[in-house]
Protein backbone atom coordinates (compact mmCIF):
# COMPACT_ATOMS: atom_id res chain seq x y z
CA UNK A 1 0.00 0.00 0.00
CA UNK A 2 1.73 3.19 -1.18
CA UNK A 3 -0.09 5.46 1.31
CA UNK A 4 0.86 3.18 4.20
CA UNK A 5 4.47 3.09 3.05
CA UNK A 6 4.49 6.85 2.75
CA UNK A 7 3.09 7.24 6.28
CA UNK A 8 5.66 4.83 7.74
CA UNK A 9 8.50 6.66 6.00
CA UNK A 10 7.21 9.95 7.42
CA UNK A 11 7.17 8.39 10.88
CA UNK A 12 10.73 7.12 10.48
CA UNK A 13 11.84 10.58 9.38
CA UNK A 14 10.16 12.32 12.31
CA UNK A 15 11.16 10.42 15.44
CA UNK A 16 12.41 13.41 17.43
CA UNK A 17 9.22 15.40 16.90
CA UNK A 18 6.46 12.88 16.19
CA UNK A 19 3.63 13.85 13.90
CA UNK A 20 0.05 13.50 15.07
CA UNK A 21 -2.24 11.03 13.27
CA UNK A 22 -4.06 14.01 11.72
CA UNK A 23 -0.78 15.45 10.42
CA UNK A 24 0.28 12.08 8.99
CA UNK A 25 -3.04 11.65 7.24
CA UNK A 26 -2.84 15.15 5.84
CA UNK A 27 0.70 14.63 4.50
CA UNK A 28 -0.30 11.45 2.67
CA UNK A 29 -3.57 12.98 1.42
CA UNK A 30 -6.03 10.64 3.11
CA UNK A 31 -8.40 11.00 6.04
CA UNK A 32 -7.35 10.04 9.53
CA UNK A 33 -9.92 7.24 9.44
CA UNK A 34 -8.46 5.86 6.18
CA UNK A 35 -4.99 5.98 7.72
CA UNK A 36 -6.23 4.06 10.77
CA UNK A 37 -7.89 1.45 8.53
CA UNK A 38 -4.66 0.94 6.57
CA UNK A 39 -2.66 0.42 9.76
CA UNK A 40 -5.26 -1.96 11.20
CA UNK A 41 -5.51 -3.96 7.97
CA UNK A 42 -1.82 -4.34 7.22
CA UNK A 43 0.04 -3.80 10.50
CA UNK A 44 -2.66 -4.88 12.98
CA UNK A 45 -2.30 -1.79 15.17
CA UNK A 46 -3.16 1.90 15.23
CA UNK A 47 -0.81 4.51 13.77
CA UNK A 48 -0.11 5.74 17.32
CA UNK A 49 0.84 2.25 18.52
CA UNK A 50 3.08 1.69 15.50
CA UNK A 51 4.76 5.07 15.98
CA UNK A 52 5.44 4.34 19.67
CA UNK A 53 7.00 0.96 18.85
CA UNK A 54 9.13 2.55 16.14
CA UNK A 55 10.37 5.25 18.53
CA UNK A 56 11.10 2.70 21.25
CA UNK A 57 13.04 0.41 18.90
CA UNK A 58 15.12 3.39 17.83
CA UNK A 59 15.64 4.31 21.49
CA UNK A 60 16.83 0.78 22.22
CA UNK A 61 19.41 0.98 19.43
CA UNK A 62 20.67 4.30 20.80
CA UNK A 63 20.73 2.91 24.32
CA UNK A 64 22.76 -0.15 23.38
CA UNK A 65 25.00 1.34 20.70
CA UNK A 66 25.81 4.82 22.01
CA UNK A 67 26.83 6.43 25.26
CA UNK A 68 24.07 9.04 25.12
CA UNK A 69 22.29 9.62 28.39
CA UNK A 70 18.79 8.29 28.88
CA UNK A 71 17.48 11.86 28.88
CA UNK A 72 19.19 12.54 25.53
CA UNK A 73 17.78 9.33 24.09
CA UNK A 74 14.28 10.08 25.33
CA UNK A 75 14.36 13.53 23.71
CA UNK A 76 15.89 12.17 20.48
CA UNK A 77 13.00 9.71 20.23
CA UNK A 78 10.24 12.23 20.83
CA UNK A 79 9.43 11.69 24.49
CA UNK A 80 8.57 14.74 26.58
CA UNK A 81 10.18 13.35 29.72
CA UNK A 82 12.63 10.66 30.77
CA UNK A 83 10.19 9.09 33.29
CA UNK A 84 7.52 8.69 30.59
CA UNK A 85 10.12 7.23 28.24
CA UNK A 86 11.31 4.80 30.93
CA UNK A 87 7.77 3.62 31.63
CA UNK A 88 7.02 3.05 27.93
CA UNK A 89 10.38 1.32 27.46
CA UNK A 90 9.77 -0.99 30.42
CA UNK A 91 6.27 -1.80 29.16
CA UNK A 92 7.65 -2.82 25.76
CA UNK A 93 10.96 -4.51 26.63
CA UNK A 94 10.32 -5.76 30.17
CA UNK A 95 12.93 -3.73 32.01
CA UNK A 96 13.79 -0.04 32.33
CA UNK A 97 16.40 1.44 29.99
CA UNK A 98 18.95 1.96 32.78
CA UNK A 99 18.77 -1.73 33.75
CA UNK A 100 19.05 -2.88 30.14
CA UNK A 101 22.17 -0.76 29.62
CA UNK A 102 23.70 -2.11 32.86
CA UNK A 103 22.95 -5.67 31.76
CA UNK A 104 24.69 -5.05 28.44
CA UNK A 105 27.75 -3.63 30.20
CA UNK A 106 27.94 -6.66 32.51
CA UNK A 107 27.67 -9.02 29.53
CA UNK A 108 30.39 -7.13 27.63
CA UNK A 109 32.66 -7.20 30.69
CA UNK A 110 32.12 -10.96 31.10
CA UNK A 111 32.94 -11.56 27.43
CA UNK A 112 36.08 -9.44 27.70
CA UNK A 113 37.17 -11.26 30.86
CA UNK A 114 36.55 -14.59 29.14
CA UNK A 115 38.88 -13.58 26.31
CA UNK A 116 41.52 -12.25 28.70
CA UNK A 117 41.52 -15.20 31.09
CA UNK A 118 43.86 -17.31 28.99
CA UNK A 119 41.34 -20.11 28.80
CA UNK A 120 41.47 -20.48 25.07
CA UNK A 121 43.20 -23.01 22.91
CA UNK A 122 45.84 -20.54 21.75
CA UNK A 123 47.32 -19.72 25.17
CA UNK A 124 50.50 -21.43 26.34
C-alpha atoms as a PDB file:
ATOM      1  CA  UNK A   1       0.000   0.000   0.000  1.00  0.00           C
ATOM      2  CA  UNK A   2       1.726   3.189  -1.176  1.00  0.00           C
ATOM      3  CA  UNK A   3      -0.093   5.456   1.309  1.00  0.00           C
ATOM      4  CA  UNK A   4       0.857   3.183   4.204  1.00  0.00           C
ATOM      5  CA  UNK A   5       4.472   3.089   3.050  1.00  0.00           C
ATOM      6  CA  UNK A   6       4.494   6.850   2.751  1.00  0.00           C
ATOM      7  CA  UNK A   7       3.090   7.237   6.275  1.00  0.00           C
ATOM      8  CA  UNK A   8       5.657   4.831   7.743  1.00  0.00           C
ATOM      9  CA  UNK A   9       8.499   6.661   5.996  1.00  0.00           C
ATOM     10  CA  UNK A  10       7.213   9.946   7.422  1.00  0.00           C
ATOM     11  CA  UNK A  11       7.170   8.387  10.883  1.00  0.00           C
ATOM     12  CA  UNK A  12      10.725   7.117  10.481  1.00  0.00           C
ATOM     13  CA  UNK A  13      11.840  10.583   9.384  1.00  0.00           C
ATOM     14  CA  UNK A  14      10.156  12.319  12.308  1.00  0.00           C
ATOM     15  CA  UNK A  15      11.163  10.421  15.443  1.00  0.00           C
ATOM     16  CA  UNK A  16      12.406  13.413  17.435  1.00  0.00           C
ATOM     17  CA  UNK A  17       9.220  15.397  16.904  1.00  0.00           C
ATOM     18  CA  UNK A  18       6.461  12.879  16.192  1.00  0.00           C
ATOM     19  CA  UNK A  19       3.632  13.848  13.896  1.00  0.00           C
ATOM     20  CA  UNK A  20       0.046  13.505  15.071  1.00  0.00           C
ATOM     21  CA  UNK A  21      -2.235  11.032  13.269  1.00  0.00           C
ATOM     22  CA  UNK A  22      -4.056  14.005  11.716  1.00  0.00           C
ATOM     23  CA  UNK A  23      -0.778  15.453  10.423  1.00  0.00           C
ATOM     24  CA  UNK A  24       0.282  12.082   8.988  1.00  0.00           C
ATOM     25  CA  UNK A  25      -3.038  11.646   7.242  1.00  0.00           C
ATOM     26  CA  UNK A  26      -2.839  15.154   5.839  1.00  0.00           C
ATOM     27  CA  UNK A  27       0.704  14.632   4.501  1.00  0.00           C
ATOM     28  CA  UNK A  28      -0.296  11.447   2.668  1.00  0.00           C
ATOM     29  CA  UNK A  29      -3.570  12.983   1.418  1.00  0.00           C
ATOM     30  CA  UNK A  30      -6.032  10.644   3.106  1.00  0.00           C
ATOM     31  CA  UNK A  31      -8.402  10.999   6.038  1.00  0.00           C
ATOM     32  CA  UNK A  32      -7.345  10.036   9.526  1.00  0.00           C
ATOM     33  CA  UNK A  33      -9.923   7.242   9.435  1.00  0.00           C
ATOM     34  CA  UNK A  34      -8.464   5.864   6.183  1.00  0.00           C
ATOM     35  CA  UNK A  35      -4.993   5.978   7.723  1.00  0.00           C
ATOM     36  CA  UNK A  36      -6.228   4.060  10.767  1.00  0.00           C
ATOM     37  CA  UNK A  37      -7.887   1.455   8.528  1.00  0.00           C
ATOM     38  CA  UNK A  38      -4.656   0.941   6.575  1.00  0.00           C
ATOM     39  CA  UNK A  39      -2.661   0.415   9.763  1.00  0.00           C
ATOM     40  CA  UNK A  40      -5.258  -1.963  11.205  1.00  0.00           C
ATOM     41  CA  UNK A  41      -5.511  -3.965   7.969  1.00  0.00           C
ATOM     42  CA  UNK A  42      -1.819  -4.343   7.223  1.00  0.00           C
ATOM     43  CA  UNK A  43       0.040  -3.796  10.497  1.00  0.00           C
ATOM     44  CA  UNK A  44      -2.659  -4.877  12.985  1.00  0.00           C
ATOM     45  CA  UNK A  45      -2.296  -1.788  15.172  1.00  0.00           C
ATOM     46  CA  UNK A  46      -3.155   1.895  15.230  1.00  0.00           C
ATOM     47  CA  UNK A  47      -0.810   4.514  13.772  1.00  0.00           C
ATOM     48  CA  UNK A  48      -0.114   5.739  17.320  1.00  0.00           C
ATOM     49  CA  UNK A  49       0.839   2.252  18.522  1.00  0.00           C
ATOM     50  CA  UNK A  50       3.080   1.693  15.504  1.00  0.00           C
ATOM     51  CA  UNK A  51       4.765   5.066  15.985  1.00  0.00           C
ATOM     52  CA  UNK A  52       5.438   4.344  19.667  1.00  0.00           C
ATOM     53  CA  UNK A  53       7.002   0.959  18.848  1.00  0.00           C
ATOM     54  CA  UNK A  54       9.129   2.555  16.135  1.00  0.00           C
ATOM     55  CA  UNK A  55      10.372   5.246  18.531  1.00  0.00           C
ATOM     56  CA  UNK A  56      11.102   2.702  21.254  1.00  0.00           C
ATOM     57  CA  UNK A  57      13.038   0.408  18.896  1.00  0.00           C
ATOM     58  CA  UNK A  58      15.119   3.391  17.832  1.00  0.00           C
ATOM     59  CA  UNK A  59      15.640   4.311  21.493  1.00  0.00           C
ATOM     60  CA  UNK A  60      16.828   0.781  22.216  1.00  0.00           C
ATOM     61  CA  UNK A  61      19.410   0.976  19.433  1.00  0.00           C
ATOM     62  CA  UNK A  62      20.669   4.299  20.797  1.00  0.00           C
ATOM     63  CA  UNK A  63      20.729   2.912  24.321  1.00  0.00           C
ATOM     64  CA  UNK A  64      22.758  -0.149  23.377  1.00  0.00           C
ATOM     65  CA  UNK A  65      25.001   1.342  20.697  1.00  0.00           C
ATOM     66  CA  UNK A  66      25.809   4.824  22.009  1.00  0.00           C
ATOM     67  CA  UNK A  67      26.831   6.431  25.260  1.00  0.00           C
ATOM     68  CA  UNK A  68      24.067   9.042  25.116  1.00  0.00           C
ATOM     69  CA  UNK A  69      22.292   9.620  28.388  1.00  0.00           C
ATOM     70  CA  UNK A  70      18.790   8.286  28.883  1.00  0.00           C
ATOM     71  CA  UNK A  71      17.480  11.858  28.882  1.00  0.00           C
ATOM     72  CA  UNK A  72      19.194  12.539  25.528  1.00  0.00           C
ATOM     73  CA  UNK A  73      17.784   9.329  24.086  1.00  0.00           C
ATOM     74  CA  UNK A  74      14.279  10.075  25.333  1.00  0.00           C
ATOM     75  CA  UNK A  75      14.361  13.526  23.712  1.00  0.00           C
ATOM     76  CA  UNK A  76      15.888  12.173  20.478  1.00  0.00           C
ATOM     77  CA  UNK A  77      13.004   9.715  20.228  1.00  0.00           C
ATOM     78  CA  UNK A  78      10.238  12.231  20.825  1.00  0.00           C
ATOM     79  CA  UNK A  79       9.429  11.688  24.492  1.00  0.00           C
ATOM     80  CA  UNK A  80       8.565  14.743  26.578  1.00  0.00           C
ATOM     81  CA  UNK A  81      10.185  13.351  29.725  1.00  0.00           C
ATOM     82  CA  UNK A  82      12.635  10.658  30.766  1.00  0.00           C
ATOM     83  CA  UNK A  83      10.193   9.091  33.286  1.00  0.00           C
ATOM     84  CA  UNK A  84       7.517   8.691  30.594  1.00  0.00           C
ATOM     85  CA  UNK A  85      10.123   7.231  28.237  1.00  0.00           C
ATOM     86  CA  UNK A  86      11.315   4.796  30.925  1.00  0.00           C
ATOM     87  CA  UNK A  87       7.770   3.623  31.626  1.00  0.00           C
ATOM     88  CA  UNK A  88       7.015   3.049  27.928  1.00  0.00           C
ATOM     89  CA  UNK A  89      10.377   1.321  27.463  1.00  0.00           C
ATOM     90  CA  UNK A  90       9.772  -0.993  30.424  1.00  0.00           C
ATOM     91  CA  UNK A  91       6.272  -1.800  29.155  1.00  0.00           C
ATOM     92  CA  UNK A  92       7.651  -2.817  25.758  1.00  0.00           C
ATOM     93  CA  UNK A  93      10.958  -4.507  26.630  1.00  0.00           C
ATOM     94  CA  UNK A  94      10.321  -5.760  30.166  1.00  0.00           C
ATOM     95  CA  UNK A  95      12.931  -3.728  32.006  1.00  0.00           C
ATOM     96  CA  UNK A  96      13.794  -0.040  32.331  1.00  0.00           C
ATOM     97  CA  UNK A  97      16.403   1.439  29.988  1.00  0.00           C
ATOM     98  CA  UNK A  98      18.954   1.964  32.780  1.00  0.00           C
ATOM     99  CA  UNK A  99      18.771  -1.732  33.745  1.00  0.00           C
ATOM    100  CA  UNK A 100      19.052  -2.877  30.140  1.00  0.00           C
ATOM    101  CA  UNK A 101      22.171  -0.755  29.622  1.00  0.00           C
ATOM    102  CA  UNK A 102      23.705  -2.113  32.859  1.00  0.00           C
ATOM    103  CA  UNK A 103      22.954  -5.666  31.761  1.00  0.00           C
ATOM    104  CA  UNK A 104      24.689  -5.047  28.443  1.00  0.00           C
ATOM    105  CA  UNK A 105      27.748  -3.629  30.197  1.00  0.00           C
ATOM    106  CA  UNK A 106      27.939  -6.657  32.508  1.00  0.00           C
ATOM    107  CA  UNK A 107      27.672  -9.024  29.534  1.00  0.00           C
ATOM    108  CA  UNK A 108      30.387  -7.132  27.635  1.00  0.00           C
ATOM    109  CA  UNK A 109      32.660  -7.201  30.695  1.00  0.00           C
ATOM    110  CA  UNK A 110      32.118 -10.960  31.099  1.00  0.00           C
ATOM    111  CA  UNK A 111      32.944 -11.558  27.425  1.00  0.00           C
ATOM    112  CA  UNK A 112      36.075  -9.444  27.697  1.00  0.00           C
ATOM    113  CA  UNK A 113      37.173 -11.256  30.864  1.00  0.00           C
ATOM    114  CA  UNK A 114      36.552 -14.587  29.144  1.00  0.00           C
ATOM    115  CA  UNK A 115      38.876 -13.584  26.312  1.00  0.00           C
ATOM    116  CA  UNK A 116      41.523 -12.247  28.701  1.00  0.00           C
ATOM    117  CA  UNK A 117      41.523 -15.196  31.088  1.00  0.00           C
ATOM    118  CA  UNK A 118      43.856 -17.307  28.994  1.00  0.00           C
ATOM    119  CA  UNK A 119      41.340 -20.115  28.801  1.00  0.00           C
ATOM    120  CA  UNK A 120      41.474 -20.482  25.071  1.00  0.00           C
ATOM    121  CA  UNK A 121      43.197 -23.008  22.907  1.00  0.00           C
ATOM    122  CA  UNK A 122      45.845 -20.536  21.746  1.00  0.00           C
ATOM    123  CA  UNK A 123      47.315 -19.723  25.175  1.00  0.00           C
ATOM    124  CA  UNK A 124      50.496 -21.426  26.340  1.00  0.00           C
END
